[in-house]
Amino acid sequence: YTDVYTLSLHDALPILTIRFTTMARKQPAARLYDAVVSQDGTGDYTTVQAAIDAAPAGRTQPWLIFIKKGVYKGHHDIPANKPYLYLIGQDRNLVSISDNRLSGGDNAYKVNDGATLTANSDNLYFEGINFVNSYGV
Protein backbone atom coordinates (compact mmCIF):
# COMPACT_ATOMS: atom_id res chain seq x y z
CA TYR A 1 0.00 0.00 0.00
CA THR A 2 1.57 3.26 -1.12
CA ASP A 3 0.40 6.64 0.11
CA VAL A 4 1.36 10.27 -0.44
CA TYR A 5 0.95 13.14 2.01
CA THR A 6 1.50 16.70 0.87
CA LEU A 7 1.83 19.71 3.16
CA SER A 8 1.07 23.13 1.77
CA LEU A 9 0.03 26.53 3.13
CA HIS A 10 -3.11 28.30 1.78
CA ASP A 11 -3.20 27.12 -1.82
CA ALA A 12 0.51 27.76 -2.19
CA LEU A 13 2.94 25.38 -3.74
CA PRO A 14 3.56 22.25 -1.73
CA ILE A 15 6.16 22.67 0.97
CA LEU A 16 6.75 19.05 1.61
CA THR A 17 5.67 15.82 0.00
CA ILE A 18 6.15 12.49 1.71
CA ARG A 19 5.77 9.20 -0.11
CA PHE A 20 5.79 5.97 1.85
CA THR A 21 4.81 2.37 1.58
CA THR A 22 3.23 0.40 4.37
CA MET A 23 3.54 -3.35 4.48
CA ALA A 24 1.62 -6.04 6.26
CA ARG A 25 3.63 -6.94 9.33
CA LYS A 26 3.70 -10.55 10.44
CA GLN A 27 1.91 -10.89 13.74
CA PRO A 28 3.29 -13.22 16.37
CA ALA A 29 1.06 -16.09 17.41
CA ALA A 30 -1.19 -15.03 20.25
CA ARG A 31 -0.16 -17.33 23.05
CA LEU A 32 -0.09 -16.40 26.67
CA TYR A 33 -0.32 -19.78 28.38
CA ASP A 34 1.54 -23.00 27.70
CA ALA A 35 -1.50 -25.11 28.59
CA VAL A 36 -5.19 -24.52 29.28
CA VAL A 37 -7.37 -26.71 31.50
CA SER A 38 -11.12 -26.73 30.97
CA GLN A 39 -13.69 -29.27 32.06
CA ASP A 40 -15.82 -28.59 28.98
CA GLY A 41 -13.08 -29.73 26.59
CA THR A 42 -12.25 -26.27 25.19
CA GLY A 43 -8.72 -26.40 26.63
CA ASP A 44 -5.72 -28.63 26.13
CA TYR A 45 -6.64 -30.80 29.14
CA THR A 46 -9.81 -31.56 31.10
CA THR A 47 -8.02 -32.13 34.44
CA VAL A 48 -5.40 -30.15 36.31
CA GLN A 49 -3.38 -33.30 37.02
CA ALA A 50 -3.20 -34.11 33.29
CA ALA A 51 -1.75 -30.65 32.62
CA ILE A 52 0.77 -31.10 35.44
CA ASP A 53 1.75 -34.53 34.12
CA ALA A 54 2.24 -33.17 30.59
CA ALA A 55 4.39 -30.21 31.67
CA PRO A 56 8.07 -30.62 30.82
CA ALA A 57 10.43 -31.64 33.60
CA GLY A 58 13.51 -29.71 34.69
CA ARG A 59 12.40 -26.26 33.55
CA THR A 60 14.30 -23.12 34.44
CA GLN A 61 11.59 -20.75 33.18
CA PRO A 62 7.88 -20.63 34.10
CA TRP A 63 5.42 -23.03 32.48
CA LEU A 64 2.02 -21.34 32.67
CA ILE A 65 -1.11 -23.42 33.09
CA PHE A 66 -4.41 -21.51 32.88
CA ILE A 67 -7.35 -23.16 34.64
CA LYS A 68 -10.85 -22.22 33.51
CA LYS A 69 -13.80 -22.11 35.89
CA GLY A 70 -14.84 -25.32 37.59
CA VAL A 71 -14.34 -27.60 40.57
CA TYR A 72 -11.48 -29.99 39.84
CA LYS A 73 -11.76 -32.97 42.17
CA GLY A 74 -9.13 -35.44 43.23
CA HIS A 75 -5.67 -35.57 44.74
CA HIS A 76 -3.11 -33.49 42.82
CA ASP A 77 0.64 -34.00 42.92
CA ILE A 78 3.44 -31.83 41.57
CA PRO A 79 6.57 -33.99 41.47
CA ALA A 80 10.02 -32.70 42.40
CA ASN A 81 11.22 -32.72 38.77
CA LYS A 82 8.61 -30.12 37.68
CA PRO A 83 9.82 -26.73 38.98
CA TYR A 84 8.49 -23.42 37.73
CA LEU A 85 4.89 -24.52 37.27
CA TYR A 86 2.54 -21.56 37.46
CA LEU A 87 -1.10 -22.55 37.99
CA ILE A 88 -3.32 -19.57 37.27
CA GLY A 89 -7.06 -19.85 37.81
CA GLN A 90 -9.65 -17.82 35.95
CA ASP A 91 -10.87 -16.33 39.25
CA ARG A 92 -10.57 -17.36 42.89
CA ASN A 93 -14.36 -17.46 43.13
CA LEU A 94 -14.67 -19.69 40.05
CA VAL A 95 -11.83 -22.23 40.34
CA SER A 96 -11.46 -24.83 43.08
CA ILE A 97 -9.18 -27.81 43.43
CA SER A 98 -10.87 -30.12 45.89
CA ASP A 99 -10.33 -33.51 47.46
CA ASN A 100 -12.17 -35.31 50.25
CA ARG A 101 -9.55 -37.52 51.84
CA LEU A 102 -9.12 -37.74 55.60
CA SER A 103 -5.55 -36.70 56.25
CA GLY A 104 -3.66 -37.71 59.38
CA GLY A 105 -4.88 -39.79 62.30
CA ASP A 106 -6.23 -43.34 62.57
CA ASN A 107 -7.67 -44.90 59.40
CA ALA A 108 -6.52 -41.91 57.37
CA TYR A 109 -4.15 -41.18 54.54
CA LYS A 110 -0.62 -40.08 55.28
CA VAL A 111 -0.39 -36.30 55.04
CA ASN A 112 1.22 -36.29 51.55
CA ASP A 113 -1.43 -38.62 50.16
CA GLY A 114 -4.29 -36.95 52.00
CA ALA A 115 -3.53 -33.38 51.00
CA THR A 116 -5.58 -31.86 48.21
CA LEU A 117 -2.36 -30.84 46.48
CA THR A 118 1.15 -32.03 47.24
CA ALA A 119 3.84 -29.66 45.96
CA ASN A 120 7.27 -31.30 45.89
CA SER A 121 9.13 -28.98 43.51
CA ASP A 122 10.65 -25.51 43.75
CA ASN A 123 9.56 -22.16 42.32
CA LEU A 124 5.82 -22.85 42.13
CA TYR A 125 3.21 -20.12 41.76
CA PHE A 126 -0.55 -20.28 42.35
CA GLU A 127 -3.10 -17.56 41.65
CA GLY A 128 -6.89 -17.40 41.46
CA ILE A 129 -7.46 -20.90 42.89
CA ASN A 130 -9.19 -22.18 46.01
CA PHE A 131 -7.65 -25.35 47.46
CA VAL A 132 -10.29 -27.21 49.43
CA ASN A 133 -10.24 -30.31 51.61
CA SER A 134 -13.92 -31.19 51.34
CA TYR A 135 -13.74 -34.13 53.77
CA GLY A 136 -15.19 -32.03 56.56
CA VAL A 137 -14.27 -31.86 60.21
C-alpha atoms as a PDB file:
ATOM      1  CA  TYR A   1       0.000   0.000   0.000  1.00  0.00           C
ATOM      2  CA  THR A   2       1.571   3.264  -1.124  1.00  0.00           C
ATOM      3  CA  ASP A   3       0.404   6.643   0.106  1.00  0.00           C
ATOM      4  CA  VAL A   4       1.355  10.272  -0.440  1.00  0.00           C
ATOM      5  CA  TYR A   5       0.954  13.143   2.008  1.00  0.00           C
ATOM      6  CA  THR A   6       1.499  16.703   0.868  1.00  0.00           C
ATOM      7  CA  LEU A   7       1.831  19.707   3.159  1.00  0.00           C
ATOM      8  CA  SER A   8       1.074  23.130   1.773  1.00  0.00           C
ATOM      9  CA  LEU A   9       0.028  26.534   3.125  1.00  0.00           C
ATOM     10  CA  HIS A  10      -3.110  28.296   1.783  1.00  0.00           C
ATOM     11  CA  ASP A  11      -3.197  27.118  -1.816  1.00  0.00           C
ATOM     12  CA  ALA A  12       0.509  27.761  -2.192  1.00  0.00           C
ATOM     13  CA  LEU A  13       2.935  25.385  -3.743  1.00  0.00           C
ATOM     14  CA  PRO A  14       3.558  22.249  -1.730  1.00  0.00           C
ATOM     15  CA  ILE A  15       6.159  22.671   0.975  1.00  0.00           C
ATOM     16  CA  LEU A  16       6.747  19.052   1.611  1.00  0.00           C
ATOM     17  CA  THR A  17       5.671  15.821   0.001  1.00  0.00           C
ATOM     18  CA  ILE A  18       6.149  12.486   1.709  1.00  0.00           C
ATOM     19  CA  ARG A  19       5.768   9.203  -0.113  1.00  0.00           C
ATOM     20  CA  PHE A  20       5.789   5.972   1.850  1.00  0.00           C
ATOM     21  CA  THR A  21       4.805   2.370   1.576  1.00  0.00           C
ATOM     22  CA  THR A  22       3.234   0.396   4.373  1.00  0.00           C
ATOM     23  CA  MET A  23       3.543  -3.355   4.484  1.00  0.00           C
ATOM     24  CA  ALA A  24       1.615  -6.044   6.259  1.00  0.00           C
ATOM     25  CA  ARG A  25       3.630  -6.939   9.331  1.00  0.00           C
ATOM     26  CA  LYS A  26       3.701 -10.548  10.444  1.00  0.00           C
ATOM     27  CA  GLN A  27       1.906 -10.886  13.739  1.00  0.00           C
ATOM     28  CA  PRO A  28       3.294 -13.224  16.372  1.00  0.00           C
ATOM     29  CA  ALA A  29       1.065 -16.091  17.414  1.00  0.00           C
ATOM     30  CA  ALA A  30      -1.185 -15.025  20.248  1.00  0.00           C
ATOM     31  CA  ARG A  31      -0.155 -17.331  23.047  1.00  0.00           C
ATOM     32  CA  LEU A  32      -0.088 -16.399  26.668  1.00  0.00           C
ATOM     33  CA  TYR A  33      -0.322 -19.785  28.380  1.00  0.00           C
ATOM     34  CA  ASP A  34       1.541 -23.003  27.702  1.00  0.00           C
ATOM     35  CA  ALA A  35      -1.500 -25.115  28.594  1.00  0.00           C
ATOM     36  CA  VAL A  36      -5.188 -24.523  29.281  1.00  0.00           C
ATOM     37  CA  VAL A  37      -7.366 -26.710  31.496  1.00  0.00           C
ATOM     38  CA  SER A  38     -11.117 -26.727  30.966  1.00  0.00           C
ATOM     39  CA  GLN A  39     -13.691 -29.268  32.061  1.00  0.00           C
ATOM     40  CA  ASP A  40     -15.825 -28.593  28.977  1.00  0.00           C
ATOM     41  CA  GLY A  41     -13.083 -29.731  26.589  1.00  0.00           C
ATOM     42  CA  THR A  42     -12.252 -26.271  25.186  1.00  0.00           C
ATOM     43  CA  GLY A  43      -8.721 -26.396  26.629  1.00  0.00           C
ATOM     44  CA  ASP A  44      -5.721 -28.626  26.132  1.00  0.00           C
ATOM     45  CA  TYR A  45      -6.640 -30.800  29.136  1.00  0.00           C
ATOM     46  CA  THR A  46      -9.805 -31.563  31.100  1.00  0.00           C
ATOM     47  CA  THR A  47      -8.021 -32.133  34.437  1.00  0.00           C
ATOM     48  CA  VAL A  48      -5.405 -30.154  36.305  1.00  0.00           C
ATOM     49  CA  GLN A  49      -3.382 -33.295  37.016  1.00  0.00           C
ATOM     50  CA  ALA A  50      -3.200 -34.113  33.291  1.00  0.00           C
ATOM     51  CA  ALA A  51      -1.753 -30.646  32.620  1.00  0.00           C
ATOM     52  CA  ILE A  52       0.767 -31.096  35.444  1.00  0.00           C
ATOM     53  CA  ASP A  53       1.747 -34.533  34.120  1.00  0.00           C
ATOM     54  CA  ALA A  54       2.237 -33.166  30.593  1.00  0.00           C
ATOM     55  CA  ALA A  55       4.394 -30.209  31.673  1.00  0.00           C
ATOM     56  CA  PRO A  56       8.071 -30.625  30.822  1.00  0.00           C
ATOM     57  CA  ALA A  57      10.433 -31.636  33.599  1.00  0.00           C
ATOM     58  CA  GLY A  58      13.508 -29.714  34.690  1.00  0.00           C
ATOM     59  CA  ARG A  59      12.400 -26.263  33.553  1.00  0.00           C
ATOM     60  CA  THR A  60      14.303 -23.116  34.437  1.00  0.00           C
ATOM     61  CA  GLN A  61      11.588 -20.751  33.181  1.00  0.00           C
ATOM     62  CA  PRO A  62       7.880 -20.626  34.103  1.00  0.00           C
ATOM     63  CA  TRP A  63       5.416 -23.034  32.483  1.00  0.00           C
ATOM     64  CA  LEU A  64       2.021 -21.337  32.667  1.00  0.00           C
ATOM     65  CA  ILE A  65      -1.114 -23.421  33.091  1.00  0.00           C
ATOM     66  CA  PHE A  66      -4.412 -21.512  32.884  1.00  0.00           C
ATOM     67  CA  ILE A  67      -7.348 -23.162  34.640  1.00  0.00           C
ATOM     68  CA  LYS A  68     -10.851 -22.224  33.505  1.00  0.00           C
ATOM     69  CA  LYS A  69     -13.796 -22.109  35.888  1.00  0.00           C
ATOM     70  CA  GLY A  70     -14.842 -25.323  37.585  1.00  0.00           C
ATOM     71  CA  VAL A  71     -14.342 -27.599  40.566  1.00  0.00           C
ATOM     72  CA  TYR A  72     -11.485 -29.990  39.836  1.00  0.00           C
ATOM     73  CA  LYS A  73     -11.762 -32.975  42.169  1.00  0.00           C
ATOM     74  CA  GLY A  74      -9.128 -35.442  43.227  1.00  0.00           C
ATOM     75  CA  HIS A  75      -5.673 -35.568  44.737  1.00  0.00           C
ATOM     76  CA  HIS A  76      -3.114 -33.486  42.819  1.00  0.00           C
ATOM     77  CA  ASP A  77       0.639 -34.003  42.923  1.00  0.00           C
ATOM     78  CA  ILE A  78       3.437 -31.835  41.569  1.00  0.00           C
ATOM     79  CA  PRO A  79       6.575 -33.990  41.468  1.00  0.00           C
ATOM     80  CA  ALA A  80      10.025 -32.695  42.405  1.00  0.00           C
ATOM     81  CA  ASN A  81      11.217 -32.720  38.770  1.00  0.00           C
ATOM     82  CA  LYS A  82       8.615 -30.122  37.679  1.00  0.00           C
ATOM     83  CA  PRO A  83       9.819 -26.734  38.976  1.00  0.00           C
ATOM     84  CA  TYR A  84       8.489 -23.415  37.735  1.00  0.00           C
ATOM     85  CA  LEU A  85       4.891 -24.522  37.268  1.00  0.00           C
ATOM     86  CA  TYR A  86       2.538 -21.564  37.457  1.00  0.00           C
ATOM     87  CA  LEU A  87      -1.097 -22.555  37.985  1.00  0.00           C
ATOM     88  CA  ILE A  88      -3.325 -19.574  37.272  1.00  0.00           C
ATOM     89  CA  GLY A  89      -7.062 -19.855  37.811  1.00  0.00           C
ATOM     90  CA  GLN A  90      -9.647 -17.820  35.948  1.00  0.00           C
ATOM     91  CA  ASP A  91     -10.874 -16.333  39.246  1.00  0.00           C
ATOM     92  CA  ARG A  92     -10.568 -17.364  42.887  1.00  0.00           C
ATOM     93  CA  ASN A  93     -14.360 -17.458  43.125  1.00  0.00           C
ATOM     94  CA  LEU A  94     -14.675 -19.689  40.049  1.00  0.00           C
ATOM     95  CA  VAL A  95     -11.835 -22.225  40.336  1.00  0.00           C
ATOM     96  CA  SER A  96     -11.462 -24.830  43.083  1.00  0.00           C
ATOM     97  CA  ILE A  97      -9.185 -27.812  43.426  1.00  0.00           C
ATOM     98  CA  SER A  98     -10.870 -30.121  45.891  1.00  0.00           C
ATOM     99  CA  ASP A  99     -10.332 -33.511  47.463  1.00  0.00           C
ATOM    100  CA  ASN A 100     -12.170 -35.309  50.251  1.00  0.00           C
ATOM    101  CA  ARG A 101      -9.547 -37.521  51.837  1.00  0.00           C
ATOM    102  CA  LEU A 102      -9.124 -37.737  55.596  1.00  0.00           C
ATOM    103  CA  SER A 103      -5.555 -36.697  56.251  1.00  0.00           C
ATOM    104  CA  GLY A 104      -3.658 -37.710  59.379  1.00  0.00           C
ATOM    105  CA  GLY A 105      -4.885 -39.792  62.301  1.00  0.00           C
ATOM    106  CA  ASP A 106      -6.230 -43.341  62.573  1.00  0.00           C
ATOM    107  CA  ASN A 107      -7.672 -44.896  59.405  1.00  0.00           C
ATOM    108  CA  ALA A 108      -6.523 -41.908  57.375  1.00  0.00           C
ATOM    109  CA  TYR A 109      -4.154 -41.179  54.536  1.00  0.00           C
ATOM    110  CA  LYS A 110      -0.615 -40.081  55.275  1.00  0.00           C
ATOM    111  CA  VAL A 111      -0.388 -36.298  55.039  1.00  0.00           C
ATOM    112  CA  ASN A 112       1.217 -36.289  51.550  1.00  0.00           C
ATOM    113  CA  ASP A 113      -1.434 -38.623  50.163  1.00  0.00           C
ATOM    114  CA  GLY A 114      -4.294 -36.946  51.997  1.00  0.00           C
ATOM    115  CA  ALA A 115      -3.527 -33.380  50.995  1.00  0.00           C
ATOM    116  CA  THR A 116      -5.579 -31.856  48.210  1.00  0.00           C
ATOM    117  CA  LEU A 117      -2.358 -30.836  46.482  1.00  0.00           C
ATOM    118  CA  THR A 118       1.147 -32.033  47.238  1.00  0.00           C
ATOM    119  CA  ALA A 119       3.838 -29.660  45.959  1.00  0.00           C
ATOM    120  CA  ASN A 120       7.274 -31.299  45.885  1.00  0.00           C
ATOM    121  CA  SER A 121       9.128 -28.978  43.508  1.00  0.00           C
ATOM    122  CA  ASP A 122      10.646 -25.508  43.752  1.00  0.00           C
ATOM    123  CA  ASN A 123       9.559 -22.163  42.321  1.00  0.00           C
ATOM    124  CA  LEU A 124       5.820 -22.846  42.129  1.00  0.00           C
ATOM    125  CA  TYR A 125       3.208 -20.121  41.761  1.00  0.00           C
ATOM    126  CA  PHE A 126      -0.546 -20.280  42.347  1.00  0.00           C
ATOM    127  CA  GLU A 127      -3.100 -17.563  41.653  1.00  0.00           C
ATOM    128  CA  GLY A 128      -6.891 -17.400  41.462  1.00  0.00           C
ATOM    129  CA  ILE A 129      -7.459 -20.903  42.885  1.00  0.00           C
ATOM    130  CA  ASN A 130      -9.191 -22.180  46.013  1.00  0.00           C
ATOM    131  CA  PHE A 131      -7.648 -25.346  47.462  1.00  0.00           C
ATOM    132  CA  VAL A 132     -10.288 -27.215  49.435  1.00  0.00           C
ATOM    133  CA  ASN A 133     -10.245 -30.307  51.606  1.00  0.00           C
ATOM    134  CA  SER A 134     -13.923 -31.188  51.341  1.00  0.00           C
ATOM    135  CA  TYR A 135     -13.744 -34.130  53.767  1.00  0.00           C
ATOM    136  CA  GLY A 136     -15.194 -32.034  56.555  1.00  0.00           C
ATOM    137  CA  VAL A 137     -14.265 -31.858  60.212  1.00  0.00           C
END
